[in-house]
Amino acid sequence: MASPATGPELLGTRLRHLFDLLDADVAAVYTDLGLDGFRPRFTPVIRVLAASGPSSIRDLAQAIGVTHSAASQTVAQMVRQDLVSITPGEDARQRIVSLSPKAEPLLPTLEAEWAATTAAATEFEAELSFPLSRLVDEALDALRRRPMRERIAAAAPDLIARARVDRGH
């Protein structure tokens, strides 16, 4: 069997695998803490709401560094678990997210877990030749400047045009 690719060929696949490994282990810690079904992506939302009070989904997305869509999906999952509630904002399109009474007692445990996870991540990064968090920041900045779609189109300018012809468009 061939060894796994180590170059850019399977970058997305390998990044998903890395994320899955990290996410699954943090989720296992939540299970160990008696928080079955609690997802690692919930903690940043809860921390922002605990620190800042009720927030719009747009403000939450900006505070935790994800898209509006990703924040909205996370909040929807949290509503289903009764961790947050949503009320209409001043604007009909705006929704304000607040911590639920069920989430309030979780704050000390989540803060302790966050501190432990941060310490573990710091130790993890110390084993690497370059801090992963810094590399992720640089990668996100590079993709904001020039999205991957543009990079693919530049690498193979005729690829999409040929596909459209092949599909009869």
C-alpha atoms as a PDB file:
ATOM      1  CA  MET A   1       0.000   0.000   0.000  1.00  0.00           C
ATOM      2  CA  ALA A   2       1.334   3.430  -0.925  1.00  0.00           C
ATOM      3  CA  SER A   3       2.116   5.930   1.795  1.00  0.00           C
ATOM      4  CA  PRO A   4      -0.383   8.782   2.222  1.00  0.00           C
ATOM      5  CA  ALA A   5       0.184  11.896   0.160  1.00  0.00           C
ATOM      6  CA  THR A   6       2.086  14.567   2.030  1.00  0.00           C
ATOM      7  CA  GLY A   7       1.927  17.397  -0.482  1.00  0.00           C
ATOM      8  CA  PRO A   8      -0.894  19.670  -1.552  1.00  0.00           C
ATOM      9  CA  GLU A   9      -2.701  16.982  -3.579  1.00  0.00           C
ATOM     10  CA  LEU A  10      -5.011  15.952  -0.748  1.00  0.00           C
ATOM     11  CA  LEU A  11      -4.847  19.143   1.302  1.00  0.00           C
ATOM     12  CA  GLY A  12      -8.586  19.474   1.922  1.00  0.00           C
ATOM     13  CA  THR A  13      -8.948  15.794   2.784  1.00  0.00           C
ATOM     14  CA  ARG A  14      -6.003  15.890   5.177  1.00  0.00           C
ATOM     15  CA  LEU A  15      -7.196  19.100   6.826  1.00  0.00           C
ATOM     16  CA  ARG A  16     -10.644  17.541   7.376  1.00  0.00           C
ATOM     17  CA  HIS A  17      -8.937  14.501   8.901  1.00  0.00           C
ATOM     18  CA  LEU A  18      -6.881  16.728  11.213  1.00  0.00           C
ATOM     19  CA  PHE A  19     -10.006  18.649  12.200  1.00  0.00           C
ATOM     20  CA  ASP A  20     -11.920  15.410  12.786  1.00  0.00           C
ATOM     21  CA  LEU A  21      -9.175  14.105  15.082  1.00  0.00           C
ATOM     22  CA  LEU A  22      -9.066  17.327  17.098  1.00  0.00           C
ATOM     23  CA  ASP A  23     -12.844  17.761  17.218  1.00  0.00           C
ATOM     24  CA  ALA A  24     -13.551  14.145  18.215  1.00  0.00           C
ATOM     25  CA  ASP A  25     -11.114  14.277  21.120  1.00  0.00           C
ATOM     26  CA  VAL A  26     -12.533  17.564  22.437  1.00  0.00           C
ATOM     27  CA  ALA A  27     -16.056  16.124  22.081  1.00  0.00           C
ATOM     28  CA  ALA A  28     -14.904  13.079  24.061  1.00  0.00           C
ATOM     29  CA  VAL A  29     -13.804  15.410  26.865  1.00  0.00           C
ATOM     30  CA  TYR A  30     -17.315  16.902  26.944  1.00  0.00           C
ATOM     31  CA  THR A  31     -18.721  13.378  27.222  1.00  0.00           C
ATOM     32  CA  ASP A  32     -16.257  12.671  30.049  1.00  0.00           C
ATOM     33  CA  LEU A  33     -17.584  15.818  31.749  1.00  0.00           C
ATOM     34  CA  GLY A  34     -21.151  14.520  31.485  1.00  0.00           C
ATOM     35  CA  LEU A  35     -22.080  16.850  28.626  1.00  0.00           C
ATOM     36  CA  ASP A  36     -23.274  14.218  26.158  1.00  0.00           C
ATOM     37  CA  GLY A  37     -24.143  15.715  22.777  1.00  0.00           C
ATOM     38  CA  PHE A  38     -22.336  18.979  23.514  1.00  0.00           C
ATOM     39  CA  ARG A  39     -20.337  19.986  20.454  1.00  0.00           C
ATOM     40  CA  PRO A  40     -16.952  21.738  20.570  1.00  0.00           C
ATOM     41  CA  ARG A  41     -18.295  24.424  18.244  1.00  0.00           C
ATOM     42  CA  PHE A  42     -20.799  25.479  20.944  1.00  0.00           C
ATOM     43  CA  THR A  43     -18.198  26.664  23.464  1.00  0.00           C
ATOM     44  CA  PRO A  44     -16.978  29.773  21.588  1.00  0.00           C
ATOM     45  CA  VAL A  45     -20.610  30.904  21.148  1.00  0.00           C
ATOM     46  CA  ILE A  46     -21.374  30.374  24.826  1.00  0.00           C
ATOM     47  CA  ARG A  47     -18.185  32.173  25.863  1.00  0.00           C
ATOM     48  CA  VAL A  48     -19.007  35.195  23.683  1.00  0.00           C
ATOM     49  CA  LEU A  49     -22.574  35.363  24.991  1.00  0.00           C
ATOM     50  CA  ALA A  50     -21.392  34.982  28.597  1.00  0.00           C
ATOM     51  CA  ALA A  51     -18.849  37.791  28.151  1.00  0.00           C
ATOM     52  CA  SER A  52     -20.859  40.179  25.986  1.00  0.00           C
ATOM     53  CA  GLY A  53     -24.495  39.343  26.597  1.00  0.00           C
ATOM     54  CA  PRO A  54     -27.107  38.793  23.899  1.00  0.00           C
ATOM     55  CA  SER A  55     -25.702  39.218  20.393  1.00  0.00           C
ATOM     56  CA  SER A  56     -26.835  39.106  16.806  1.00  0.00           C
ATOM     57  CA  ILE A  57     -25.773  36.126  14.748  1.00  0.00           C
ATOM     58  CA  ARG A  58     -23.646  38.479  12.628  1.00  0.00           C
ATOM     59  CA  ASP A  59     -21.802  39.737  15.714  1.00  0.00           C
ATOM     60  CA  LEU A  60     -21.332  36.174  16.986  1.00  0.00           C
ATOM     61  CA  ALA A  61     -19.917  35.099  13.626  1.00  0.00           C
ATOM     62  CA  GLN A  62     -17.453  37.979  13.656  1.00  0.00           C
ATOM     63  CA  ALA A  63     -16.440  37.349  17.283  1.00  0.00           C
ATOM     64  CA  ILE A  64     -15.692  33.651  16.744  1.00  0.00           C
ATOM     65  CA  GLY A  65     -14.236  34.014  13.244  1.00  0.00           C
ATOM     66  CA  VAL A  66     -16.725  32.051  11.149  1.00  0.00           C
ATOM     67  CA  THR A  67     -19.183  32.872   8.386  1.00  0.00           C
ATOM     68  CA  HIS A  68     -22.686  34.090   9.157  1.00  0.00           C
ATOM     69  CA  SER A  69     -23.999  30.813   7.735  1.00  0.00           C
ATOM     70  CA  ALA A  70     -21.763  28.711  10.005  1.00  0.00           C
ATOM     71  CA  ALA A  71     -22.764  30.735  13.068  1.00  0.00           C
ATOM     72  CA  SER A  72     -26.441  30.453  12.126  1.00  0.00           C
ATOM     73  CA  GLN A  73     -26.175  26.668  11.761  1.00  0.00           C
ATOM     74  CA  THR A  74     -24.379  26.353  15.100  1.00  0.00           C
ATOM     75  CA  VAL A  75     -26.977  28.534  16.827  1.00  0.00           C
ATOM     76  CA  ALA A  76     -29.776  26.411  15.321  1.00  0.00           C
ATOM     77  CA  GLN A  77     -28.160  23.282  16.791  1.00  0.00           C
ATOM     78  CA  MET A  78     -27.804  25.034  20.136  1.00  0.00           C
ATOM     79  CA  VAL A  79     -31.471  26.081  20.096  1.00  0.00           C
ATOM     80  CA  ARG A  80     -32.447  22.416  19.584  1.00  0.00           C
ATOM     81  CA  GLN A  81     -30.402  21.539  22.687  1.00  0.00           C
ATOM     82  CA  ASP A  82     -31.953  24.431  24.629  1.00  0.00           C
ATOM     83  CA  LEU A  83     -28.569  26.096  25.190  1.00  0.00           C
ATOM     84  CA  VAL A  84     -29.573  29.417  23.617  1.00  0.00           C
ATOM     85  CA  SER A  85     -32.747  31.215  22.670  1.00  0.00           C
ATOM     86  CA  ILE A  86     -33.430  33.507  19.732  1.00  0.00           C
ATOM     87  CA  THR A  87     -35.537  36.638  19.742  1.00  0.00           C
ATOM     88  CA  PRO A  88     -36.224  39.086  16.911  1.00  0.00           C
ATOM     89  CA  GLY A  89     -33.929  42.099  16.702  1.00  0.00           C
ATOM     90  CA  GLU A  90     -34.786  45.689  15.814  1.00  0.00           C
ATOM     91  CA  ASP A  91     -34.533  44.767  12.144  1.00  0.00           C
ATOM     92  CA  ALA A  92     -36.872  42.000  10.957  1.00  0.00           C
ATOM     93  CA  ARG A  93     -33.901  40.134   9.491  1.00  0.00           C
ATOM     94  CA  GLN A  94     -31.837  40.323  12.665  1.00  0.00           C
ATOM     95  CA  ARG A  95     -32.016  37.601  15.304  1.00  0.00           C
ATOM     96  CA  ILE A  96     -30.623  38.077  18.798  1.00  0.00           C
ATOM     97  CA  VAL A  97     -29.103  35.073  20.539  1.00  0.00           C
ATOM     98  CA  SER A  98     -29.121  34.738  24.336  1.00  0.00           C
ATOM     99  CA  LEU A  99     -27.914  32.062  26.712  1.00  0.00           C
ATOM    100  CA  SER A 100     -30.692  29.870  28.050  1.00  0.00           C
ATOM    101  CA  PRO A 101     -31.143  29.040  31.727  1.00  0.00           C
ATOM    102  CA  LYS A 102     -29.857  25.527  30.867  1.00  0.00           C
ATOM    103  CA  ALA A 103     -26.525  26.978  29.641  1.00  0.00           C
ATOM    104  CA  GLU A 104     -25.811  29.251  32.613  1.00  0.00           C
ATOM    105  CA  PRO A 105     -24.758  26.489  35.064  1.00  0.00           C
ATOM    106  CA  LEU A 106     -22.399  25.029  32.433  1.00  0.00           C
ATOM    107  CA  LEU A 107     -20.215  28.155  32.363  1.00  0.00           C
ATOM    108  CA  PRO A 108     -17.703  27.178  35.102  1.00  0.00           C
ATOM    109  CA  THR A 109     -17.161  23.724  33.556  1.00  0.00           C
ATOM    110  CA  LEU A 110     -16.834  25.170  30.044  1.00  0.00           C
ATOM    111  CA  GLU A 111     -14.371  27.834  31.201  1.00  0.00           C
ATOM    112  CA  ALA A 112     -12.236  25.154  32.895  1.00  0.00           C
ATOM    113  CA  GLU A 113     -12.414  22.962  29.785  1.00  0.00           C
ATOM    114  CA  TRP A 114     -11.493  25.948  27.572  1.00  0.00           C
ATOM    115  CA  ALA A 115      -8.431  26.684  29.708  1.00  0.00           C
ATOM    116  CA  ALA A 116      -7.366  23.024  29.632  1.00  0.00           C
ATOM    117  CA  THR A 117      -7.920  22.775  25.885  1.00  0.00           C
ATOM    118  CA  THR A 118      -5.947  25.981  25.312  1.00  0.00           C
ATOM    119  CA  ALA A 119      -3.069  24.578  27.393  1.00  0.00           C
ATOM    120  CA  ALA A 120      -3.212  21.286  25.456  1.00  0.00           C
ATOM    121  CA  ALA A 121      -3.272  23.150  22.124  1.00  0.00           C
ATOM    122  CA  THR A 122      -0.266  25.208  23.197  1.00  0.00           C
ATOM    123  CA  GLU A 123       1.609  22.006  24.072  1.00  0.00           C
ATOM    124  CA  PHE A 124       0.540  20.445  20.757  1.00  0.00           C
ATOM    125  CA  GLU A 125       1.806  23.443  18.786  1.00  0.00           C
ATOM    126  CA  ALA A 126       5.147  23.292  20.638  1.00  0.00           C
ATOM    127  CA  GLU A 127       5.696  19.863  19.038  1.00  0.00           C
ATOM    128  CA  LEU A 128       5.275  21.293  15.540  1.00  0.00           C
ATOM    129  CA  SER A 129       7.922  22.994  13.428  1.00  0.00           C
ATOM    130  CA  PHE A 130       5.594  25.985  13.002  1.00  0.00           C
ATOM    131  CA  PRO A 131       2.562  26.999  15.115  1.00  0.00           C
ATOM    132  CA  LEU A 132      -0.554  25.591  13.460  1.00  0.00           C
ATOM    133  CA  SER A 133      -2.712  28.484  14.674  1.00  0.00           C
ATOM    134  CA  ARG A 134      -0.395  30.965  12.948  1.00  0.00           C
ATOM    135  CA  LEU A 135      -0.398  28.908   9.772  1.00  0.00           C
ATOM    136  CA  VAL A 136      -4.214  28.721   9.807  1.00  0.00           C
ATOM    137  CA  ASP A 137      -4.380  32.514  10.227  1.00  0.00           C
ATOM    138  CA  GLU A 138      -2.012  32.972   7.282  1.00  0.00           C
ATOM    139  CA  ALA A 139      -4.003  30.503   5.145  1.00  0.00           C
ATOM    140  CA  LEU A 140      -7.283  32.268   5.892  1.00  0.00           C
ATOM    141  CA  ASP A 141      -5.752  35.631   5.041  1.00  0.00           C
ATOM    142  CA  ALA A 142      -4.375  34.252   1.751  1.00  0.00           C
ATOM    143  CA  LEU A 143      -7.784  32.832   0.816  1.00  0.00           C
ATOM    144  CA  ARG A 144      -9.504  36.118   1.657  1.00  0.00           C
ATOM    145  CA  ARG A 145      -7.091  37.846  -0.728  1.00  0.00           C
ATOM    146  CA  ARG A 146      -7.581  35.237  -3.459  1.00  0.00           C
ATOM    147  CA  PRO A 147     -10.137  32.447  -3.005  1.00  0.00           C
ATOM    148  CA  MET A 148      -9.260  28.882  -3.978  1.00  0.00           C
ATOM    149  CA  ARG A 149     -11.813  28.986  -6.790  1.00  0.00           C
ATOM    150  CA  GLU A 150      -9.837  31.781  -8.464  1.00  0.00           C
ATOM    151  CA  ARG A 151      -6.603  29.884  -7.942  1.00  0.00           C
ATOM    152  CA  ILE A 152      -8.044  26.748  -9.570  1.00  0.00           C
ATOM    153  CA  ALA A 153      -9.381  28.768 -12.503  1.00  0.00           C
ATOM    154  CA  ALA A 154      -5.952  30.352 -12.987  1.00  0.00           C
ATOM    155  CA  ALA A 155      -4.238  26.950 -12.831  1.00  0.00           C
ATOM    156  CA  ALA A 156      -6.544  25.508 -15.515  1.00  0.00           C
ATOM    157  CA  PRO A 157      -8.211  28.391 -17.406  1.00  0.00           C
ATOM    158  CA  ASP A 158     -10.055  26.133 -19.851  1.00  0.00           C
ATOM    159  CA  LEU A 159     -11.285  23.600 -17.297  1.00  0.00           C
ATOM    160  CA  ILE A 160     -14.661  25.204 -16.549  1.00  0.00           C
ATOM    161  CA  ALA A 161     -15.246  26.305 -20.141  1.00  0.00           C
ATOM    162  CA  ARG A 162     -14.664  22.720 -21.329  1.00  0.00           C
ATOM    163  CA  ALA A 163     -16.985  21.346 -18.670  1.00  0.00           C
ATOM    164  CA  ARG A 164     -19.736  23.744 -19.736  1.00  0.00           C
ATOM    165  CA  VAL A 165     -19.344  22.666 -23.350  1.00  0.00           C
ATOM    166  CA  ASP A 166     -19.427  19.015 -22.311  1.00  0.00           C
ATOM    167  CA  ARG A 167     -22.662  19.642 -20.363  1.00  0.00           C
ATOM    168  CA  GLY A 168     -24.185  21.495 -23.335  1.00  0.00           C
ATOM    169  CA  HIS A 169     -24.283  24.946 -21.717  1.00  0.00           C
END
